Amino acid sequence: MTESKQLDLFSPAYRRERVVDWQVPAPVAKVAMGLSGMDAMLGIRDGRLPPPPFAKLIGFTMAVVEPGRIVMELEPREDLENTIGLLHGATAAALIDTAMGCAISTRLEAGQSPVTLDLKMTFLRPLSVRSGLISAEGKIIKLGRQTSYTEGFVRDGKGALAVHATATFSMIGVTT
């Protein structure tokens, strides 16, 4: 008899629950669009603006805000794991995409926003709940009027590089 047949994997002993609350995004977006990207990012980091609902869902926070550079952080949890006990790759993708887009935002005027056109990620090492505090750094490579380019790095709690990424973003709200 295999272990999975001996265990009742649906028993209450193996269940977990997580409750997520968030602010309605439309009013926050309206306020943020009236601010420069840097002021919006500082507002989120410093708690003057609520973070986006997706950040609350995944559980990441904005740790560093500098012109052209953002660092997001995540304390890994088992609810982000896949069936082999590693953090799902989408977790790193969400972190790095957000960090790179927010890095561009720090250089934009009020009413402008970046949206991802493409994202290329190379996974160099797995992440898990044992990885320690995970950080995702996004940096601008080239800021353009209509298209911008970024580079990103996801590191585990010991600073080891786990993911390298590049992305292209389209600028919206930009008059041409």
C-alpha atoms as a PDB file:
ATOM      1  CA  MET A   1       0.000   0.000   0.000  1.00  0.00           C
ATOM      2  CA  THR A   2       1.423   3.368  -0.954  1.00  0.00           C
ATOM      3  CA  GLU A   3       1.668   6.225   1.514  1.00  0.00           C
ATOM      4  CA  SER A   4      -1.018   8.225  -0.344  1.00  0.00           C
ATOM      5  CA  LYS A   5      -3.509   5.360   0.176  1.00  0.00           C
ATOM      6  CA  GLN A   6      -2.720   5.208   3.894  1.00  0.00           C
ATOM      7  CA  LEU A   7      -3.193   8.940   4.457  1.00  0.00           C
ATOM      8  CA  ASP A   8      -6.472  10.770   4.148  1.00  0.00           C
ATOM      9  CA  LEU A   9      -5.009  13.785   2.338  1.00  0.00           C
ATOM     10  CA  PHE A  10      -8.364  15.567   2.592  1.00  0.00           C
ATOM     11  CA  SER A  11      -8.637  15.240   6.373  1.00  0.00           C
ATOM     12  CA  PRO A  12      -8.914  18.405   8.490  1.00  0.00           C
ATOM     13  CA  ALA A  13      -5.413  17.709   9.847  1.00  0.00           C
ATOM     14  CA  TYR A  14      -3.985  18.602   6.436  1.00  0.00           C
ATOM     15  CA  ARG A  15      -6.167  21.641   5.743  1.00  0.00           C
ATOM     16  CA  ARG A  16      -5.035  25.256   5.961  1.00  0.00           C
ATOM     17  CA  GLU A  17      -6.916  28.503   5.554  1.00  0.00           C
ATOM     18  CA  ARG A  18      -5.759  31.979   4.619  1.00  0.00           C
ATOM     19  CA  VAL A  19      -7.946  35.077   4.624  1.00  0.00           C
ATOM     20  CA  VAL A  20      -6.971  38.016   2.417  1.00  0.00           C
ATOM     21  CA  ASP A  21      -8.421  41.494   2.690  1.00  0.00           C
ATOM     22  CA  TRP A  22      -7.789  44.374   0.292  1.00  0.00           C
ATOM     23  CA  GLN A  23      -8.909  47.845  -0.657  1.00  0.00           C
ATOM     24  CA  VAL A  24     -11.170  48.341  -3.668  1.00  0.00           C
ATOM     25  CA  PRO A  25      -8.614  49.124  -6.407  1.00  0.00           C
ATOM     26  CA  ALA A  26     -10.459  51.753  -8.521  1.00  0.00           C
ATOM     27  CA  PRO A  27     -10.372  54.619  -5.972  1.00  0.00           C
ATOM     28  CA  VAL A  28      -6.709  53.873  -5.170  1.00  0.00           C
ATOM     29  CA  ALA A  29      -5.835  53.826  -8.890  1.00  0.00           C
ATOM     30  CA  LYS A  30      -7.563  57.185  -9.360  1.00  0.00           C
ATOM     31  CA  VAL A  31      -5.479  58.752  -6.587  1.00  0.00           C
ATOM     32  CA  ALA A  32      -2.259  57.062  -7.791  1.00  0.00           C
ATOM     33  CA  MET A  33      -2.776  58.261 -11.382  1.00  0.00           C
ATOM     34  CA  GLY A  34      -2.768  61.839 -10.054  1.00  0.00           C
ATOM     35  CA  LEU A  35       0.702  61.334  -8.569  1.00  0.00           C
ATOM     36  CA  SER A  36       4.076  60.954 -10.187  1.00  0.00           C
ATOM     37  CA  GLY A  37       5.138  57.320 -10.336  1.00  0.00           C
ATOM     38  CA  MET A  38       7.805  57.968  -7.701  1.00  0.00           C
ATOM     39  CA  ASP A  39       5.275  59.516  -5.317  1.00  0.00           C
ATOM     40  CA  ALA A  40       2.860  56.613  -5.879  1.00  0.00           C
ATOM     41  CA  MET A  41       5.591  54.018  -5.223  1.00  0.00           C
ATOM     42  CA  LEU A  42       6.753  55.858  -2.081  1.00  0.00           C
ATOM     43  CA  GLY A  43       3.110  56.104  -0.976  1.00  0.00           C
ATOM     44  CA  ILE A  44       2.671  52.336  -1.278  1.00  0.00           C
ATOM     45  CA  ARG A  45       6.003  51.603   0.417  1.00  0.00           C
ATOM     46  CA  ASP A  46       5.288  54.016   3.280  1.00  0.00           C
ATOM     47  CA  GLY A  47       1.647  52.957   3.779  1.00  0.00           C
ATOM     48  CA  ARG A  48       0.015  56.194   2.573  1.00  0.00           C
ATOM     49  CA  LEU A  49      -1.536  54.253  -0.331  1.00  0.00           C
ATOM     50  CA  PRO A  50      -2.851  50.695  -0.047  1.00  0.00           C
ATOM     51  CA  PRO A  51      -0.968  48.089  -2.069  1.00  0.00           C
ATOM     52  CA  PRO A  52      -2.707  46.507  -5.066  1.00  0.00           C
ATOM     53  CA  PRO A  53      -5.009  43.568  -4.242  1.00  0.00           C
ATOM     54  CA  PHE A  54      -2.671  41.153  -6.056  1.00  0.00           C
ATOM     55  CA  ALA A  55       0.238  42.153  -3.790  1.00  0.00           C
ATOM     56  CA  LYS A  56      -1.945  41.382  -0.778  1.00  0.00           C
ATOM     57  CA  LEU A  57      -2.988  38.037  -2.302  1.00  0.00           C
ATOM     58  CA  ILE A  58       0.583  36.883  -2.957  1.00  0.00           C
ATOM     59  CA  GLY A  59       1.904  38.627   0.157  1.00  0.00           C
ATOM     60  CA  PHE A  60       4.737  40.747  -1.198  1.00  0.00           C
ATOM     61  CA  THR A  61       5.726  44.221  -0.074  1.00  0.00           C
ATOM     62  CA  MET A  62       7.701  47.090  -1.555  1.00  0.00           C
ATOM     63  CA  ALA A  63      10.942  47.396   0.392  1.00  0.00           C
ATOM     64  CA  VAL A  64      13.134  49.768  -1.667  1.00  0.00           C
ATOM     65  CA  VAL A  65      12.060  52.663  -3.887  1.00  0.00           C
ATOM     66  CA  GLU A  66      14.749  54.551  -5.793  1.00  0.00           C
ATOM     67  CA  PRO A  67      14.667  56.320  -9.158  1.00  0.00           C
ATOM     68  CA  GLY A  68      14.741  53.495 -11.714  1.00  0.00           C
ATOM     69  CA  ARG A  69      15.002  50.727  -9.088  1.00  0.00           C
ATOM     70  CA  ILE A  70      12.516  48.809  -6.924  1.00  0.00           C
ATOM     71  CA  VAL A  71      12.955  45.891  -4.548  1.00  0.00           C
ATOM     72  CA  MET A  72       9.950  43.769  -3.584  1.00  0.00           C
ATOM     73  CA  GLU A  73      10.093  41.242  -0.730  1.00  0.00           C
ATOM     74  CA  LEU A  74       8.186  38.070   0.053  1.00  0.00           C
ATOM     75  CA  GLU A  75       8.324  35.755   3.030  1.00  0.00           C
ATOM     76  CA  PRO A  76       7.616  32.389   1.321  1.00  0.00           C
ATOM     77  CA  ARG A  77       4.625  30.360   2.526  1.00  0.00           C
ATOM     78  CA  GLU A  78       3.394  26.852   1.847  1.00  0.00           C
ATOM     79  CA  ASP A  79       0.231  28.145   0.128  1.00  0.00           C
ATOM     80  CA  LEU A  80       2.512  29.333  -2.708  1.00  0.00           C
ATOM     81  CA  GLU A  81       4.009  25.850  -3.219  1.00  0.00           C
ATOM     82  CA  ASN A  82       3.364  23.486  -6.087  1.00  0.00           C
ATOM     83  CA  THR A  83       2.859  19.713  -5.708  1.00  0.00           C
ATOM     84  CA  ILE A  84       6.603  19.011  -5.441  1.00  0.00           C
ATOM     85  CA  GLY A  85       7.096  21.359  -2.477  1.00  0.00           C
ATOM     86  CA  LEU A  86       8.711  24.284  -4.301  1.00  0.00           C
ATOM     87  CA  LEU A  87       7.337  27.775  -4.749  1.00  0.00           C
ATOM     88  CA  HIS A  88       5.367  27.901  -7.957  1.00  0.00           C
ATOM     89  CA  GLY A  89       7.230  29.722 -10.739  1.00  0.00           C
ATOM     90  CA  ALA A  90       4.319  32.133 -11.053  1.00  0.00           C
ATOM     91  CA  THR A  91       5.271  33.476  -7.623  1.00  0.00           C
ATOM     92  CA  ALA A  92       8.686  34.592  -8.891  1.00  0.00           C
ATOM     93  CA  ALA A  93       7.072  35.837 -12.113  1.00  0.00           C
ATOM     94  CA  ALA A  94       4.609  37.998 -10.181  1.00  0.00           C
ATOM     95  CA  LEU A  95       7.376  39.403  -8.003  1.00  0.00           C
ATOM     96  CA  ILE A  96       9.801  40.212 -10.791  1.00  0.00           C
ATOM     97  CA  ASP A  97       7.188  41.554 -13.210  1.00  0.00           C
ATOM     98  CA  THR A  98       5.891  43.870 -10.488  1.00  0.00           C
ATOM     99  CA  ALA A  99       9.364  45.028  -9.448  1.00  0.00           C
ATOM    100  CA  MET A 100      10.393  45.780 -13.041  1.00  0.00           C
ATOM    101  CA  GLY A 101       7.158  47.624 -13.871  1.00  0.00           C
ATOM    102  CA  CYS A 102       7.333  49.624 -10.657  1.00  0.00           C
ATOM    103  CA  ALA A 103      10.965  50.536 -11.399  1.00  0.00           C
ATOM    104  CA  ILE A 104       9.748  52.166 -14.622  1.00  0.00           C
ATOM    105  CA  SER A 105       6.932  53.893 -12.725  1.00  0.00           C
ATOM    106  CA  THR A 106       9.471  55.696 -10.537  1.00  0.00           C
ATOM    107  CA  ARG A 107      10.518  57.677 -13.622  1.00  0.00           C
ATOM    108  CA  LEU A 108       7.048  58.472 -14.997  1.00  0.00           C
ATOM    109  CA  GLU A 109       4.862  61.552 -14.658  1.00  0.00           C
ATOM    110  CA  ALA A 110       1.345  61.556 -13.260  1.00  0.00           C
ATOM    111  CA  GLY A 111      -1.095  59.729 -15.527  1.00  0.00           C
ATOM    112  CA  GLN A 112       1.505  57.433 -17.083  1.00  0.00           C
ATOM    113  CA  SER A 113       1.825  53.703 -16.442  1.00  0.00           C
ATOM    114  CA  PRO A 114       3.852  50.782 -17.804  1.00  0.00           C
ATOM    115  CA  VAL A 115       2.191  47.547 -18.929  1.00  0.00           C
ATOM    116  CA  THR A 116       4.113  44.359 -19.682  1.00  0.00           C
ATOM    117  CA  LEU A 117       4.593  43.479 -23.341  1.00  0.00           C
ATOM    118  CA  ASP A 118       6.943  40.548 -22.788  1.00  0.00           C
ATOM    119  CA  LEU A 119       8.681  38.870 -19.896  1.00  0.00           C
ATOM    120  CA  LYS A 120      11.588  36.448 -20.233  1.00  0.00           C
ATOM    121  CA  MET A 121      12.675  34.577 -17.136  1.00  0.00           C
ATOM    122  CA  THR A 122      15.508  32.167 -16.556  1.00  0.00           C
ATOM    123  CA  PHE A 123      15.120  30.035 -13.422  1.00  0.00           C
ATOM    124  CA  LEU A 124      18.559  29.294 -11.957  1.00  0.00           C
ATOM    125  CA  ARG A 125      17.621  27.626  -8.664  1.00  0.00           C
ATOM    126  CA  PRO A 126      14.382  26.580  -6.993  1.00  0.00           C
ATOM    127  CA  LEU A 127      12.753  28.562  -4.214  1.00  0.00           C
ATOM    128  CA  SER A 128      10.856  27.080  -1.278  1.00  0.00           C
ATOM    129  CA  VAL A 129       9.555  27.973   2.156  1.00  0.00           C
ATOM    130  CA  ARG A 130      13.098  27.244   3.367  1.00  0.00           C
ATOM    131  CA  SER A 131      14.584  29.909   1.080  1.00  0.00           C
ATOM    132  CA  GLY A 132      14.225  32.711   3.613  1.00  0.00           C
ATOM    133  CA  LEU A 133      13.093  36.210   2.703  1.00  0.00           C
ATOM    134  CA  ILE A 134      12.897  36.416  -1.095  1.00  0.00           C
ATOM    135  CA  SER A 135      13.734  39.686  -2.812  1.00  0.00           C
ATOM    136  CA  ALA A 136      12.990  40.774  -6.368  1.00  0.00           C
ATOM    137  CA  GLU A 137      14.908  43.726  -7.767  1.00  0.00           C
ATOM    138  CA  GLY A 138      13.775  45.537 -10.901  1.00  0.00           C
ATOM    139  CA  LYS A 139      15.986  48.050 -12.712  1.00  0.00           C
ATOM    140  CA  ILE A 140      15.466  50.168 -15.793  1.00  0.00           C
ATOM    141  CA  ILE A 141      17.746  49.389 -18.735  1.00  0.00           C
ATOM    142  CA  LYS A 142      16.220  51.980 -21.099  1.00  0.00           C
ATOM    143  CA  LEU A 143      13.321  54.325 -20.478  1.00  0.00           C
ATOM    144  CA  GLY A 144      11.464  55.291 -23.642  1.00  0.00           C
ATOM    145  CA  ARG A 145       8.408  57.391 -24.477  1.00  0.00           C
ATOM    146  CA  GLN A 146       6.459  54.412 -25.818  1.00  0.00           C
ATOM    147  CA  THR A 147       8.535  51.364 -24.872  1.00  0.00           C
ATOM    148  CA  SER A 148      10.873  50.715 -21.946  1.00  0.00           C
ATOM    149  CA  TYR A 149      13.235  47.865 -21.080  1.00  0.00           C
ATOM    150  CA  THR A 150      14.072  46.399 -17.682  1.00  0.00           C
ATOM    151  CA  GLU A 151      16.147  43.755 -15.990  1.00  0.00           C
ATOM    152  CA  GLY A 152      15.306  41.884 -12.817  1.00  0.00           C
ATOM    153  CA  PHE A 153      16.788  39.543 -10.256  1.00  0.00           C
ATOM    154  CA  VAL A 154      15.113  37.280  -7.693  1.00  0.00           C
ATOM    155  CA  ARG A 155      17.312  36.242  -4.792  1.00  0.00           C
ATOM    156  CA  ASP A 156      16.785  33.893  -1.872  1.00  0.00           C
ATOM    157  CA  GLY A 157      17.349  34.832   1.772  1.00  0.00           C
ATOM    158  CA  LYS A 158      21.085  34.207   1.469  1.00  0.00           C
ATOM    159  CA  GLY A 159      21.378  36.459  -1.578  1.00  0.00           C
ATOM    160  CA  ALA A 160      21.799  33.599  -4.079  1.00  0.00           C
ATOM    161  CA  LEU A 161      20.425  34.421  -7.527  1.00  0.00           C
ATOM    162  CA  ALA A 162      17.361  32.271  -8.260  1.00  0.00           C
ATOM    163  CA  VAL A 163      15.843  34.024 -11.300  1.00  0.00           C
ATOM    164  CA  HIS A 164      17.114  36.454 -13.923  1.00  0.00           C
ATOM    165  CA  ALA A 165      14.586  38.283 -16.089  1.00  0.00           C
ATOM    166  CA  THR A 166      14.250  40.897 -18.779  1.00  0.00           C
ATOM    167  CA  ALA A 167      11.045  42.568 -19.883  1.00  0.00           C
ATOM    168  CA  THR A 168       9.654  45.077 -22.329  1.00  0.00           C
ATOM    169  CA  PHE A 169       6.920  47.458 -21.211  1.00  0.00           C
ATOM    170  CA  SER A 170       4.577  49.678 -23.185  1.00  0.00           C
ATOM    171  CA  MET A 171       3.843  53.125 -21.791  1.00  0.00           C
ATOM    172  CA  ILE A 172       0.136  53.926 -21.496  1.00  0.00           C
ATOM    173  CA  GLY A 173      -1.338  57.321 -20.801  1.00  0.00           C
ATOM    174  CA  VAL A 174       1.586  58.826 -22.723  1.00  0.00           C
ATOM    175  CA  THR A 175       0.716  61.347 -25.384  1.00  0.00           C
ATOM    176  CA  THR A 176       2.517  60.762 -28.641  1.00  0.00           C
END
